C-alpha atoms as a PDB file:
ATOM      1  CA  MET A   1      26.132 -59.849  36.864  1.00  0.00           C
ATOM      2  CA  LYS A   2      26.567 -56.618  34.648  1.00  0.00           C
ATOM      3  CA  THR A   3      25.482 -58.621  31.533  1.00  0.00           C
ATOM      4  CA  THR A   4      22.567 -59.640  33.680  1.00  0.00           C
ATOM      5  CA  PHE A   5      21.559 -56.284  35.087  1.00  0.00           C
ATOM      6  CA  PHE A   6      21.450 -54.193  32.114  1.00  0.00           C
ATOM      7  CA  LYS A   7      19.304 -56.816  30.256  1.00  0.00           C
ATOM      8  CA  PRO A   8      15.984 -56.085  32.501  1.00  0.00           C
ATOM      9  CA  LEU A   9      17.091 -52.764  32.374  1.00  0.00           C
ATOM     10  CA  ALA A  10      17.336 -52.205  28.561  1.00  0.00           C
ATOM     11  CA  PHE A  11      13.988 -54.164  27.989  1.00  0.00           C
ATOM     12  CA  MET A  12      12.219 -51.259  30.678  1.00  0.00           C
ATOM     13  CA  LEU A  13      13.814 -48.548  28.764  1.00  0.00           C
ATOM     14  CA  LEU A  14      12.262 -49.669  25.413  1.00  0.00           C
ATOM     15  CA  LEU A  15       9.306 -50.607  26.769  1.00  0.00           C
ATOM     16  CA  VAL A  16       8.675 -46.929  28.739  1.00  0.00           C
ATOM     17  CA  PHE A  17      10.006 -45.373  24.883  1.00  0.00           C
ATOM     18  CA  SER A  18       7.566 -47.715  23.063  1.00  0.00           C
ATOM     19  CA  CYS A  19       4.214 -45.908  25.540  1.00  0.00           C
ATOM     20  CA  SER A  20       5.753 -42.905  25.135  1.00  0.00           C
ATOM     21  CA  ASN A  21       5.722 -43.301  21.149  1.00  0.00           C
ATOM     22  CA  ASN A  22       2.031 -44.442  21.758  1.00  0.00           C
ATOM     23  CA  ASP A  23       0.730 -41.820  23.964  1.00  0.00           C
ATOM     24  CA  ASP A  24       2.456 -38.867  21.387  1.00  0.00           C
ATOM     25  CA  SER A  25       0.156 -40.200  18.376  1.00  0.00           C
ATOM     26  CA  ASN A  26      -2.422 -40.185  20.070  1.00  0.00           C
ATOM     27  CA  THR A  27      -2.213 -36.683  21.288  1.00  0.00           C
ATOM     28  CA  GLN A  28      -0.555 -35.456  18.044  1.00  0.00           C
ATOM     29  CA  GLU A  29      -2.397 -32.568  16.884  1.00  0.00           C
ATOM     30  CA  VAL A  30      -3.371 -32.515  13.040  1.00  0.00           C
ATOM     31  CA  VAL A  31      -1.289 -29.693  11.113  1.00  0.00           C
ATOM     32  CA  ASP A  32      -2.530 -27.750   8.191  1.00  0.00           C
ATOM     33  CA  ASP A  33       0.053 -28.259   5.629  1.00  0.00           C
ATOM     34  CA  SER A  34      -1.733 -26.242   2.711  1.00  0.00           C
ATOM     35  CA  PRO A  35       0.377 -23.280   1.775  1.00  0.00           C
ATOM     36  CA  PHE A  36      -2.049 -20.694   2.378  1.00  0.00           C
ATOM     37  CA  PRO A  37      -5.865 -20.924   4.482  1.00  0.00           C
ATOM     38  CA  SER A  38      -8.135 -22.290   2.821  1.00  0.00           C
ATOM     39  CA  GLU A  39     -10.891 -22.250   5.016  1.00  0.00           C
ATOM     40  CA  GLY A  40     -13.993 -19.553   3.401  1.00  0.00           C
ATOM     41  CA  LEU A  41     -11.721 -18.254   0.571  1.00  0.00           C
ATOM     42  CA  LEU A  42     -13.522 -17.259  -2.113  1.00  0.00           C
ATOM     43  CA  ALA A  43     -11.270 -16.815  -4.636  1.00  0.00           C
ATOM     44  CA  TYR A  44      -8.071 -15.655  -4.773  1.00  0.00           C
ATOM     45  CA  TYR A  45      -5.789 -14.114  -8.199  1.00  0.00           C
ATOM     46  CA  LEU A  46      -2.238 -14.215  -8.451  1.00  0.00           C
ATOM     47  CA  PHE A  47      -1.950 -12.868 -11.869  1.00  0.00           C
ATOM     48  CA  ASN A  48      -0.362 -15.275 -13.996  1.00  0.00           C
ATOM     49  CA  ASN A  49      -0.239 -13.774 -16.604  1.00  0.00           C
ATOM     50  CA  SER A  50      -4.187 -13.263 -16.806  1.00  0.00           C
ATOM     51  CA  ALA A  51      -6.788 -12.275 -14.198  1.00  0.00           C
ATOM     52  CA  ASP A  52      -8.606 -15.285 -13.756  1.00  0.00           C
ATOM     53  CA  ASP A  53      -9.401 -16.831 -10.238  1.00  0.00           C
ATOM     54  CA  SER A  54      -7.099 -19.755  -9.304  1.00  0.00           C
ATOM     55  CA  SER A  55      -9.542 -21.137  -6.469  1.00  0.00           C
ATOM     56  CA  SER A  56     -11.891 -23.948  -7.535  1.00  0.00           C
ATOM     57  CA  ASN A  57     -14.861 -21.422  -7.794  1.00  0.00           C
ATOM     58  CA  GLU A  58     -13.312 -19.861 -11.021  1.00  0.00           C
ATOM     59  CA  TYR A  59     -14.651 -16.548 -10.305  1.00  0.00           C
ATOM     60  CA  HIS A  60     -12.518 -15.154 -12.960  1.00  0.00           C
ATOM     61  CA  ALA A  61     -12.170 -10.889 -13.546  1.00  0.00           C
ATOM     62  CA  ASP A  62     -12.547  -9.553 -16.305  1.00  0.00           C
ATOM     63  CA  ASP A  63      -9.205  -7.285 -17.003  1.00  0.00           C
ATOM     64  CA  SER A  64      -8.810  -4.295 -19.379  1.00  0.00           C
ATOM     65  CA  ASN A  65      -5.750  -2.938 -20.867  1.00  0.00           C
ATOM     66  CA  VAL A  66      -3.916  -4.262 -17.798  1.00  0.00           C
ATOM     67  CA  ILE A  67      -0.182  -5.980 -18.634  1.00  0.00           C
ATOM     68  CA  TYR A  68       1.590  -8.553 -16.406  1.00  0.00           C
ATOM     69  CA  GLU A  69       4.778  -7.707 -15.754  1.00  0.00           C
ATOM     70  CA  GLU A  70       7.392  -9.143 -13.059  1.00  0.00           C
ATOM     71  CA  ASP A  71       6.053  -9.645  -9.276  1.00  0.00           C
ATOM     72  CA  ARG A  72       7.973  -9.470  -6.223  1.00  0.00           C
ATOM     73  CA  ASN A  73      10.205 -12.378  -6.378  1.00  0.00           C
ATOM     74  CA  GLY A  74      11.439 -11.763  -9.773  1.00  0.00           C
ATOM     75  CA  VAL A  75       9.274 -13.992 -11.826  1.00  0.00           C
ATOM     76  CA  GLN A  76       8.081 -12.405 -15.077  1.00  0.00           C
ATOM     77  CA  ASN A  77       4.519 -12.184 -16.398  1.00  0.00           C
ATOM     78  CA  SER A  78       2.935 -12.645 -12.656  1.00  0.00           C
ATOM     79  CA  ALA A  79       1.731  -9.699 -11.147  1.00  0.00           C
ATOM     80  CA  ALA A  80      -1.360  -6.891 -12.388  1.00  0.00           C
ATOM     81  CA  ALA A  81       0.534  -3.319 -13.930  1.00  0.00           C
ATOM     82  CA  PHE A  82      -2.003  -0.530 -13.898  1.00  0.00           C
ATOM     83  CA  ASN A  83      -1.180   2.204 -16.642  1.00  0.00           C
ATOM     84  CA  GLY A  84      -3.333   5.085 -14.097  1.00  0.00           C
ATOM     85  CA  PHE A  85      -4.668   6.021 -17.850  1.00  0.00           C
ATOM     86  CA  ASN A  86      -7.485   3.570 -18.548  1.00  0.00           C
ATOM     87  CA  ALA A  87      -6.970  -0.124 -16.902  1.00  0.00           C
ATOM     88  CA  VAL A  88      -9.044  -1.810 -14.881  1.00  0.00           C
ATOM     89  CA  ILE A  89      -9.849  -5.264 -13.066  1.00  0.00           C
ATOM     90  CA  ALA A  90     -14.337  -5.824 -12.955  1.00  0.00           C
ATOM     91  CA  PHE A  91     -15.180  -8.962 -10.005  1.00  0.00           C
ATOM     92  CA  PRO A  92     -17.401 -10.941 -10.714  1.00  0.00           C
ATOM     93  CA  ASN A  93     -20.347 -10.468  -8.038  1.00  0.00           C
ATOM     94  CA  GLU A  94     -20.107 -13.388  -6.159  1.00  0.00           C
ATOM     95  CA  VAL A  95     -16.657 -12.074  -4.704  1.00  0.00           C
ATOM     96  CA  ARG A  96     -18.313  -8.898  -3.535  1.00  0.00           C
ATOM     97  CA  PHE A  97     -18.485  -7.702   0.181  1.00  0.00           C
ATOM     98  CA  LYS A  98     -21.148  -8.292   1.430  1.00  0.00           C
ATOM     99  CA  PRO A  99     -22.758  -6.522   4.577  1.00  0.00           C
ATOM    100  CA  MET A 100     -23.503  -8.029   7.788  1.00  0.00           C
ATOM    101  CA  GLN A 101     -20.509 -10.861   7.043  1.00  0.00           C
ATOM    102  CA  SER A 102     -16.947 -11.177   8.206  1.00  0.00           C
ATOM    103  CA  SER A 103     -14.549 -10.992   5.518  1.00  0.00           C
ATOM    104  CA  THR A 104     -10.877 -10.664   4.603  1.00  0.00           C
ATOM    105  CA  LEU A 105      -8.963  -8.557   1.602  1.00  0.00           C
ATOM    106  CA  SER A 106      -5.417  -9.272   1.371  1.00  0.00           C
ATOM    107  CA  PHE A 107      -2.903  -8.241  -1.413  1.00  0.00           C
ATOM    108  CA  TRP A 108       0.130  -6.469  -2.603  1.00  0.00           C
ATOM    109  CA  ILE A 109       0.670  -3.140  -3.883  1.00  0.00           C
ATOM    110  CA  ARG A 110       3.484  -1.289  -5.469  1.00  0.00           C
ATOM    111  CA  THR A 111       3.197   2.175  -6.518  1.00  0.00           C
ATOM    112  CA  GLY A 112       5.327   5.033  -7.097  1.00  0.00           C
ATOM    113  CA  MET A 113       2.072   7.550  -7.240  1.00  0.00           C
ATOM    114  CA  GLN A 114       2.403  10.778  -5.049  1.00  0.00           C
ATOM    115  CA  SER A 115      -1.443  11.827  -5.801  1.00  0.00           C
ATOM    116  CA  ARG A 116      -4.505  10.755  -4.926  1.00  0.00           C
ATOM    117  CA  TYR A 117      -5.278   7.105  -6.022  1.00  0.00           C
ATOM    118  CA  ASP A 118      -8.211   4.616  -6.176  1.00  0.00           C
ATOM    119  CA  LEU A 119      -7.708   1.462  -5.442  1.00  0.00           C
ATOM    120  CA  PHE A 120     -10.632  -1.022  -4.911  1.00  0.00           C
ATOM    121  CA  ASP A 121     -14.162   0.323  -5.404  1.00  0.00           C
ATOM    122  CA  GLN A 122     -17.347  -1.116  -4.444  1.00  0.00           C
ATOM    123  CA  ARG A 123     -20.904   1.330  -4.939  1.00  0.00           C
ATOM    124  CA  VAL A 124     -24.186   0.275  -3.056  1.00  0.00           C
ATOM    125  CA  GLY A 125     -25.613   1.458  -6.382  1.00  0.00           C
ATOM    126  CA  SER A 126     -24.689   0.453  -9.876  1.00  0.00           C
ATOM    127  CA  SER A 127     -24.458   3.835 -11.473  1.00  0.00           C
ATOM    128  CA  SER A 128     -22.629   7.317 -10.708  1.00  0.00           C
ATOM    129  CA  SER A 129     -25.926   9.362  -9.572  1.00  0.00           C
ATOM    130  CA  ASP A 130     -25.301   6.895  -6.131  1.00  0.00           C
ATOM    131  CA  ASN A 131     -22.286   9.171  -5.637  1.00  0.00           C
ATOM    132  CA  HIS A 132     -20.566   8.032  -2.230  1.00  0.00           C
ATOM    133  CA  ASN A 133     -22.912   5.026  -1.070  1.00  0.00           C
ATOM    134  CA  HIS A 134     -20.482   2.244  -1.289  1.00  0.00           C
ATOM    135  CA  GLY A 135     -20.021  -1.132   0.301  1.00  0.00           C
ATOM    136  CA  ILE A 136     -16.026  -0.255   0.137  1.00  0.00           C
ATOM    137  CA  ILE A 137     -13.423   2.121  -0.699  1.00  0.00           C
ATOM    138  CA  MET A 138      -9.889   2.404  -0.395  1.00  0.00           C
ATOM    139  CA  ASN A 139      -7.796   5.264  -1.780  1.00  0.00           C
ATOM    140  CA  ALA A 140      -4.697   6.890  -0.965  1.00  0.00           C
ATOM    141  CA  SER A 141      -3.860  10.691  -1.139  1.00  0.00           C
ATOM    142  CA  GLU A 142      -0.402  12.719  -1.883  1.00  0.00           C
ATOM    143  CA  TYR A 143       0.479  11.879   1.930  1.00  0.00           C
ATOM    144  CA  GLY A 144       0.900   8.320   1.603  1.00  0.00           C
ATOM    145  CA  ASN A 145      -1.930   7.499   3.420  1.00  0.00           C
ATOM    146  CA  MET A 146      -4.493   4.506   2.817  1.00  0.00           C
ATOM    147  CA  GLN A 147      -7.916   5.096   3.832  1.00  0.00           C
ATOM    148  CA  TYR A 148     -10.430   2.398   4.079  1.00  0.00           C
ATOM    149  CA  VAL A 149     -14.181   3.206   4.344  1.00  0.00           C
ATOM    150  CA  TYR A 150     -16.917   1.119   4.944  1.00  0.00           C
ATOM    151  CA  PRO A 151     -20.251   1.488   4.661  1.00  0.00           C
ATOM    152  CA  ASN A 152     -20.594   5.071   3.465  1.00  0.00           C
ATOM    153  CA  TYR A 153     -24.070   6.573   2.673  1.00  0.00           C
ATOM    154  CA  ASN A 154     -25.475  10.400   2.180  1.00  0.00           C
ATOM    155  CA  PRO A 155     -24.684  11.654   4.652  1.00  0.00           C
ATOM    156  CA  ASN A 156     -21.455   9.922   5.697  1.00  0.00           C
ATOM    157  CA  ASN A 157     -22.355   7.497   8.582  1.00  0.00           C
ATOM    158  CA  GLY A 158     -19.743   4.800   7.695  1.00  0.00           C
ATOM    159  CA  THR A 159     -16.731   3.490   9.635  1.00  0.00           C
ATOM    160  CA  GLY A 160     -13.207   5.444   8.109  1.00  0.00           C
ATOM    161  CA  ILE A 161     -10.095   4.759   8.725  1.00  0.00           C
ATOM    162  CA  ASN A 162      -7.287   6.376   7.596  1.00  0.00           C
ATOM    163  CA  GLU A 163      -3.954   5.240   8.747  1.00  0.00           C
ATOM    164  CA  THR A 164      -0.310   6.177   7.464  1.00  0.00           C
ATOM    165  CA  ILE A 165       1.366   3.799   5.259  1.00  0.00           C
ATOM    166  CA  PRO A 166       4.002   4.669   2.981  1.00  0.00           C
ATOM    167  CA  VAL A 167       4.198   2.421   0.150  1.00  0.00           C
ATOM    168  CA  ARG A 168       5.934   4.215  -2.639  1.00  0.00           C
ATOM    169  CA  ASP A 169       8.083   1.795  -4.574  1.00  0.00           C
ATOM    170  CA  ALA A 170       8.410  -0.802  -2.374  1.00  0.00           C
ATOM    171  CA  TRP A 171       6.344  -4.327  -2.156  1.00  0.00           C
ATOM    172  CA  THR A 172       3.741  -4.042   0.518  1.00  0.00           C
ATOM    173  CA  HIS A 173       1.372  -6.279   1.971  1.00  0.00           C
ATOM    174  CA  PHE A 174      -2.136  -5.013   2.974  1.00  0.00           C
ATOM    175  CA  VAL A 175      -4.593  -7.111   4.980  1.00  0.00           C
ATOM    176  CA  TYR A 176      -7.814  -5.944   5.593  1.00  0.00           C
ATOM    177  CA  VAL A 177     -10.045  -7.997   8.188  1.00  0.00           C
ATOM    178  CA  LYS A 178     -13.888  -7.581   8.793  1.00  0.00           C
ATOM    179  CA  ASP A 179     -15.093  -9.363  11.772  1.00  0.00           C
ATOM    180  CA  THR A 180     -18.995  -9.272  12.582  1.00  0.00           C
ATOM    181  CA  ASP A 181     -18.436 -11.527  15.696  1.00  0.00           C
ATOM    182  CA  THR A 182     -16.272  -8.750  17.138  1.00  0.00           C
ATOM    183  CA  ASN A 183     -17.562  -5.789  15.458  1.00  0.00           C
ATOM    184  CA  THR A 184     -13.673  -5.311  14.743  1.00  0.00           C
ATOM    185  CA  ILE A 185     -11.952  -3.912  11.736  1.00  0.00           C
ATOM    186  CA  LYS A 186      -8.058  -4.862  11.918  1.00  0.00           C
ATOM    187  CA  ILE A 187      -5.683  -3.475   9.520  1.00  0.00           C
ATOM    188  CA  TYR A 188      -2.570  -5.834   8.765  1.00  0.00           C
ATOM    189  CA  VAL A 189       1.042  -3.992   6.661  1.00  0.00           C
ATOM    190  CA  ASN A 190       3.609  -6.810   6.281  1.00  0.00           C
ATOM    191  CA  SER A 191       1.983  -9.295   9.117  1.00  0.00           C
ATOM    192  CA  VAL A 192       2.024  -6.587  11.374  1.00  0.00           C
ATOM    193  CA  GLU A 193      -1.379  -4.930  12.702  1.00  0.00           C
ATOM    194  CA  VAL A 194      -1.565  -1.730  12.680  1.00  0.00           C
ATOM    195  CA  TYR A 195      -4.920  -0.470  13.316  1.00  0.00           C
ATOM    196  CA  SER A 196      -8.025  -2.206  15.576  1.00  0.00           C
ATOM    197  CA  GLY A 197     -11.270  -0.396  15.814  1.00  0.00           C
ATOM    198  CA  ALA A 198     -14.673  -1.077  16.554  1.00  0.00           C
ATOM    199  CA  PHE A 199     -17.549  -0.573  13.204  1.00  0.00           C
ATOM    200  CA  THR A 200     -21.404  -0.871  13.662  1.00  0.00           C
ATOM    201  CA  ASP A 201     -22.338  -3.310  10.270  1.00  0.00           C
ATOM    202  CA  GLN A 202     -25.560  -1.903   8.253  1.00  0.00           C
ATOM    203  CA  ASP A 203     -27.418  -4.047   6.213  1.00  0.00           C
ATOM    204  CA  PHE A 204     -27.750  -2.953   2.385  1.00  0.00           C
ATOM    205  CA  GLU A 205     -28.289  -4.568  -1.346  1.00  0.00           C
ATOM    206  CA  VAL A 206     -25.034  -4.204  -2.985  1.00  0.00           C
ATOM    207  CA  ASN A 207     -25.812  -3.434  -6.544  1.00  0.00           C
ATOM    208  CA  GLY A 208     -22.505  -1.931  -7.880  1.00  0.00           C
ATOM    209  CA  THR A 209     -19.623  -3.813  -9.329  1.00  0.00           C
ATOM    210  CA  LEU A 210     -16.016  -4.482  -7.109  1.00  0.00           C
ATOM    211  CA  LEU A 211     -13.458  -2.370  -9.012  1.00  0.00           C
ATOM    212  CA  LEU A 212      -9.930  -2.417  -9.028  1.00  0.00           C
ATOM    213  CA  GLY A 213      -7.611   0.739 -10.187  1.00  0.00           C
ATOM    214  CA  VAL A 214     -10.297   3.191 -10.647  1.00  0.00           C
ATOM    215  CA  ASN A 215     -13.259   4.394  -9.006  1.00  0.00           C
ATOM    216  CA  TYR A 216     -17.203   4.832  -9.374  1.00  0.00           C
ATOM    217  CA  ASN A 217     -16.879   7.611 -12.021  1.00  0.00           C
ATOM    218  CA  GLU A 218     -13.213   7.422 -13.428  1.00  0.00           C
ATOM    219  CA  SER A 219     -11.880  10.291 -11.465  1.00  0.00           C
ATOM    220  CA  TYR A 220      -9.265   8.609  -9.804  1.00  0.00           C
ATOM    221  CA  ARG A 221      -6.907   5.586 -11.335  1.00  0.00           C
ATOM    222  CA  PHE A 222      -4.065   3.784  -9.978  1.00  0.00           C
ATOM    223  CA  GLU A 223      -0.750   3.607 -11.602  1.00  0.00           C
ATOM    224  CA  GLY A 224       1.433   0.313 -10.329  1.00  0.00           C
ATOM    225  CA  TYR A 225       1.550  -2.985  -9.424  1.00  0.00           C
ATOM    226  CA  ILE A 226      -0.819  -5.508  -7.304  1.00  0.00           C
ATOM    227  CA  ASP A 227      -0.467  -9.239  -7.052  1.00  0.00           C
ATOM    228  CA  ASP A 228      -1.622 -12.018  -4.918  1.00  0.00           C
ATOM    229  CA  ILE A 229      -5.486 -10.891  -4.281  1.00  0.00           C
ATOM    230  CA  PHE A 230      -7.077 -13.112  -1.667  1.00  0.00           C
ATOM    231  CA  ILE A 231     -10.629 -12.927  -0.599  1.00  0.00           C
ATOM    232  CA  TYR A 232     -12.298 -14.761   2.036  1.00  0.00           C
ATOM    233  CA  ASN A 233     -15.653 -14.658   3.398  1.00  0.00           C
ATOM    234  CA  ARG A 234     -14.224 -15.277   7.515  1.00  0.00           C
ATOM    235  CA  ALA A 235     -12.584 -13.277   9.370  1.00  0.00           C
ATOM    236  CA  LEU A 236      -8.456 -14.405   9.278  1.00  0.00           C
ATOM    237  CA  ASN A 237      -6.256 -14.858  12.414  1.00  0.00           C
ATOM    238  CA  THR A 238      -3.011 -13.306  13.057  1.00  0.00           C
ATOM    239  CA  ALA A 239      -1.672 -17.212  12.108  1.00  0.00           C
ATOM    240  CA  ASP A 240      -3.526 -17.020   8.608  1.00  0.00           C
ATOM    241  CA  ILE A 241      -2.343 -13.854   7.583  1.00  0.00           C
ATOM    242  CA  ASN A 242       1.484 -14.877   8.557  1.00  0.00           C
ATOM    243  CA  LYS A 243       0.790 -17.492   6.264  1.00  0.00           C
ATOM    244  CA  LEU A 244      -0.314 -15.254   3.695  1.00  0.00           C
ATOM    245  CA  PHE A 245       2.335 -12.894   3.908  1.00  0.00           C
ATOM    246  CA  LYS A 246       5.212 -16.349   3.806  1.00  0.00           C
ATOM    247  CA  TYR A 247       2.884 -17.276   0.774  1.00  0.00           C
ATOM    248  CA  ILE A 248       5.045 -17.586  -2.550  1.00  0.00           C
ATOM    249  CA  TYR A 249       3.520 -19.476  -5.568  1.00  0.00           C
ATOM    250  CA  GLU A 250       5.581 -22.338  -6.830  1.00  0.00           C
END
């Protein structure tokens, strides 16, 4: 009798389990298994012995007096080293930060500098006579403050952010997000949001080159290491940024 009872029961359980599996397969979410966010990616620079763009866009940058040394994971020839004297990287026009458009800039930095340095600098104009007319500037003071300004004209009417973020002698991950849908600029450090503020975007024509390691008139230079720069034409969300923070090139 036990045999007669358990056979139908076993069949019913098997049927329910099978239907349950079918339901799960119909409602299963598609998981993005890429190692980093790919939507809206303009270019990314891993600095594996060059300043080449590793994306299919091939927006390669020009490096001058930059050498490639050990990165944060101990891999040789995999991080860009700036000597604070004459090292600079110039990016192509296609990756310049544009007005009226969302964007994200992600990078790793390590430096022991205790005086001002200019990291990223993109001027609206193409000559030093344009002074502080720029599309983006990022620098740091002797107090370890990381300043971000976008945009800035004469007189200064841009969005300035001055956050005290010590980065001396330790690899630190920075992400700057400009969201034109919400008119918000956010800063993330090591995947943690440290700043969120409103800004007013303004239309302007960009003629200057996006530079890394020096400002437009070469008065402030950077000494230290930069690695894994990612540039997007969209505003990344928290999940995207966490993915970038955990990304390791293999």
